[in-house]
Amino acid sequence: MNSPFVFGKIVSGEHFVNRNEEIYRLQNNFKSGNSTRTHFV
């Protein structure tokens, strides 16, 4: 069985998960000058 996950490369299209809420929060943090930490699994 193949894994449904893509590791080690940039994803797009069908492999990209809808992250509109997260993008909105990040944009607001950057515009406000807030420190932002991201976590990559």
PDB file of N, CA and C in Angstrom:
ATOM      1  N   MET A   1       0.846  -1.182   0.000  1.00  0.00           N
ATOM      2  CA  MET A   1       0.000   0.000   0.000  1.00  0.00           C
ATOM      3  C   MET A   1       0.891   1.244   0.000  1.00  0.00           C
ATOM      4  N   ASN A   2       0.624   2.185  -0.881  1.00  0.00           N
ATOM      5  CA  ASN A   2       1.361   3.440  -0.949  1.00  0.00           C
ATOM      6  C   ASN A   2       0.825   4.428   0.074  1.00  0.00           C
ATOM      7  N   SER A   3       1.715   5.244   0.626  1.00  0.00           N
ATOM      8  CA  SER A   3       1.325   6.275   1.583  1.00  0.00           C
ATOM      9  C   SER A   3       0.618   7.411   0.854  1.00  0.00           C
ATOM     10  N   PRO A   4      -0.462   7.954   1.434  1.00  0.00           N
ATOM     11  CA  PRO A   4      -1.148   9.089   0.810  1.00  0.00           C
ATOM     12  C   PRO A   4      -0.433  10.413   1.061  1.00  0.00           C
ATOM     13  N   PHE A   5       0.659  10.395   1.832  1.00  0.00           N
ATOM     14  CA  PHE A   5       1.372  11.607   2.208  1.00  0.00           C
ATOM     15  C   PHE A   5       2.609  11.805   1.351  1.00  0.00           C
ATOM     16  N   VAL A   6       2.948  13.082   1.114  1.00  0.00           N
ATOM     17  CA  VAL A   6       4.136  13.439   0.353  1.00  0.00           C
ATOM     18  C   VAL A   6       5.141  14.021   1.333  1.00  0.00           C
ATOM     19  N   PHE A   7       6.359  13.506   1.324  1.00  0.00           N
ATOM     20  CA  PHE A   7       7.393  13.952   2.249  1.00  0.00           C
ATOM     21  C   PHE A   7       8.588  14.487   1.490  1.00  0.00           C
ATOM     22  N   GLY A   8       9.209  15.538   2.046  1.00  0.00           N
ATOM     23  CA  GLY A   8      10.488  16.005   1.541  1.00  0.00           C
ATOM     24  C   GLY A   8      10.465  16.873   0.303  1.00  0.00           C
ATOM     25  N   LYS A   9       9.285  17.328  -0.118  1.00  0.00           N
ATOM     26  CA  LYS A   9       9.232  18.229  -1.268  1.00  0.00           C
ATOM     27  C   LYS A   9       7.992  19.113  -1.164  1.00  0.00           C
ATOM     28  N   ILE A  10       8.014  20.200  -1.900  1.00  0.00           N
ATOM     29  CA  ILE A  10       6.886  21.134  -1.898  1.00  0.00           C
ATOM     30  C   ILE A  10       5.703  20.488  -2.616  1.00  0.00           C
ATOM     31  N   VAL A  11       4.520  20.645  -2.024  1.00  0.00           N
ATOM     32  CA  VAL A  11       3.330  20.044  -2.616  1.00  0.00           C
ATOM     33  C   VAL A  11       2.436  21.111  -3.229  1.00  0.00           C
ATOM     34  N   SER A  12       1.611  20.699  -4.161  1.00  0.00           N
ATOM     35  CA  SER A  12       0.633  21.580  -4.781  1.00  0.00           C
ATOM     36  C   SER A  12      -0.509  20.727  -5.313  1.00  0.00           C
ATOM     37  N   GLY A  13      -1.492  21.386  -5.849  1.00  0.00           N
ATOM     38  CA  GLY A  13      -2.604  20.677  -6.463  1.00  0.00           C
ATOM     39  C   GLY A  13      -3.312  19.748  -5.502  1.00  0.00           C
ATOM     40  N   GLU A  14      -3.492  18.530  -5.882  1.00  0.00           N
ATOM     41  CA  GLU A  14      -4.268  17.571  -5.083  1.00  0.00           C
ATOM     42  C   GLU A  14      -3.602  17.208  -3.761  1.00  0.00           C
ATOM     43  N   HIS A  15      -2.314  17.469  -3.629  1.00  0.00           N
ATOM     44  CA  HIS A  15      -1.605  17.135  -2.394  1.00  0.00           C
ATOM     45  C   HIS A  15      -1.613  18.268  -1.375  1.00  0.00           C
ATOM     46  N   PHE A  16      -2.063  19.450  -1.778  1.00  0.00           N
ATOM     47  CA  PHE A  16      -2.051  20.611  -0.899  1.00  0.00           C
ATOM     48  C   PHE A  16      -3.351  20.661  -0.112  1.00  0.00           C
ATOM     49  N   VAL A  17      -3.220  20.796   1.212  1.00  0.00           N
ATOM     50  CA  VAL A  17      -4.390  20.845   2.086  1.00  0.00           C
ATOM     51  C   VAL A  17      -4.832  22.297   2.244  1.00  0.00           C
ATOM     52  N   ASN A  18      -6.117  22.533   2.243  1.00  0.00           N
ATOM     53  CA  ASN A  18      -6.685  23.866   2.396  1.00  0.00           C
ATOM     54  C   ASN A  18      -6.270  24.454   3.740  1.00  0.00           C
ATOM     55  N   ARG A  19      -5.488  25.514   3.725  1.00  0.00           N
ATOM     56  CA  ARG A  19      -4.970  26.139   4.943  1.00  0.00           C
ATOM     57  C   ARG A  19      -5.300  27.627   4.989  1.00  0.00           C
ATOM     58  N   ASN A  20      -6.479  28.013   4.535  1.00  0.00           N
ATOM     59  CA  ASN A  20      -6.848  29.428   4.474  1.00  0.00           C
ATOM     60  C   ASN A  20      -6.818  30.101   5.841  1.00  0.00           C
ATOM     61  N   GLU A  21      -7.321  29.444   6.872  1.00  0.00           N
ATOM     62  CA  GLU A  21      -7.326  30.041   8.210  1.00  0.00           C
ATOM     63  C   GLU A  21      -5.896  30.259   8.715  1.00  0.00           C
ATOM     64  N   GLU A  22      -5.030  29.275   8.504  1.00  0.00           N
ATOM     65  CA  GLU A  22      -3.644  29.389   8.940  1.00  0.00           C
ATOM     66  C   GLU A  22      -2.905  30.489   8.172  1.00  0.00           C
ATOM     67  N   ILE A  23      -3.150  30.580   6.868  1.00  0.00           N
ATOM     68  CA  ILE A  23      -2.527  31.622   6.047  1.00  0.00           C
ATOM     69  C   ILE A  23      -2.978  32.998   6.532  1.00  0.00           C
ATOM     70  N   TYR A  24      -4.257  33.153   6.831  1.00  0.00           N
ATOM     71  CA  TYR A  24      -4.787  34.420   7.324  1.00  0.00           C
ATOM     72  C   TYR A  24      -4.106  34.810   8.636  1.00  0.00           C
ATOM     73  N   ARG A  25      -3.980  33.869   9.569  1.00  0.00           N
ATOM     74  CA  ARG A  25      -3.333  34.155  10.846  1.00  0.00           C
ATOM     75  C   ARG A  25      -1.867  34.522  10.662  1.00  0.00           C
ATOM     76  N   LEU A  26      -1.163  33.808   9.800  1.00  0.00           N
ATOM     77  CA  LEU A  26       0.244  34.126   9.544  1.00  0.00           C
ATOM     78  C   LEU A  26       0.394  35.520   8.938  1.00  0.00           C
ATOM     79  N   GLN A  27      -0.440  35.837   7.962  1.00  0.00           N
ATOM     80  CA  GLN A  27      -0.377  37.159   7.332  1.00  0.00           C
ATOM     81  C   GLN A  27      -0.613  38.258   8.365  1.00  0.00           C
ATOM     82  N   ASN A  28      -1.586  38.067   9.241  1.00  0.00           N
ATOM     83  CA  ASN A  28      -1.857  39.068  10.270  1.00  0.00           C
ATOM     84  C   ASN A  28      -0.693  39.193  11.238  1.00  0.00           C
ATOM     85  N   ASN A  29      -0.082  38.088  11.609  1.00  0.00           N
ATOM     86  CA  ASN A  29       1.088  38.135  12.490  1.00  0.00           C
ATOM     87  C   ASN A  29       2.225  38.908  11.842  1.00  0.00           C
ATOM     88  N   PHE A  30       2.503  38.631  10.576  1.00  0.00           N
ATOM     89  CA  PHE A  30       3.587  39.312   9.881  1.00  0.00           C
ATOM     90  C   PHE A  30       3.306  40.809   9.758  1.00  0.00           C
ATOM     91  N   LYS A  31       2.072  41.164   9.406  1.00  0.00           N
ATOM     92  CA  LYS A  31       1.712  42.578   9.252  1.00  0.00           C
ATOM     93  C   LYS A  31       1.805  43.329  10.577  1.00  0.00           C
ATOM     94  N   SER A  32       1.495  42.648  11.679  1.00  0.00           N
ATOM     95  CA  SER A  32       1.512  43.271  13.004  1.00  0.00           C
ATOM     96  C   SER A  32       2.885  43.240  13.649  1.00  0.00           C
ATOM     97  N   GLY A  33       3.827  42.542  13.035  1.00  0.00           N
ATOM     98  CA  GLY A  33       5.169  42.446  13.595  1.00  0.00           C
ATOM     99  C   GLY A  33       5.283  41.446  14.729  1.00  0.00           C
ATOM    100  N   ASN A  34       4.314  40.534  14.834  1.00  0.00           N
ATOM    101  CA  ASN A  34       4.355  39.514  15.871  1.00  0.00           C
ATOM    102  C   ASN A  34       5.313  38.397  15.491  1.00  0.00           C
ATOM    103  N   SER A  35       6.025  37.911  16.488  1.00  0.00           N
ATOM    104  CA  SER A  35       6.882  36.752  16.252  1.00  0.00           C
ATOM    105  C   SER A  35       5.994  35.545  15.962  1.00  0.00           C
ATOM    106  N   THR A  36       6.407  34.732  15.027  1.00  0.00           N
ATOM    107  CA  THR A  36       5.612  33.581  14.633  1.00  0.00           C
ATOM    108  C   THR A  36       6.497  32.355  14.558  1.00  0.00           C
ATOM    109  N   ARG A  37       6.032  31.293  15.144  1.00  0.00           N
ATOM    110  CA  ARG A  37       6.766  30.036  15.118  1.00  0.00           C
ATOM    111  C   ARG A  37       5.966  29.032  14.305  1.00  0.00           C
ATOM    112  N   THR A  38       6.620  28.343  13.418  1.00  0.00           N
ATOM    113  CA  THR A  38       5.955  27.294  12.646  1.00  0.00           C
ATOM    114  C   THR A  38       6.540  25.962  13.037  1.00  0.00           C
ATOM    115  N   HIS A  39       5.733  24.935  12.900  1.00  0.00           N
ATOM    116  CA  HIS A  39       6.161  23.589  13.244  1.00  0.00           C
ATOM    117  C   HIS A  39       5.931  22.696  12.043  1.00  0.00           C
ATOM    118  N   PHE A  40       6.983  22.089  11.580  1.00  0.00           N
ATOM    119  CA  PHE A  40       6.876  21.180  10.441  1.00  0.00           C
ATOM    120  C   PHE A  40       7.075  19.766  10.942  1.00  0.00           C
ATOM    121  N   VAL A  41       6.217  18.894  10.544  1.00  0.00           N
ATOM    122  CA  VAL A  41       6.315  17.497  10.966  1.00  0.00           C
ATOM    123  C   VAL A  41       7.043  16.708   9.925  1.00  0.00           C
TER     124      VAL A  41
END
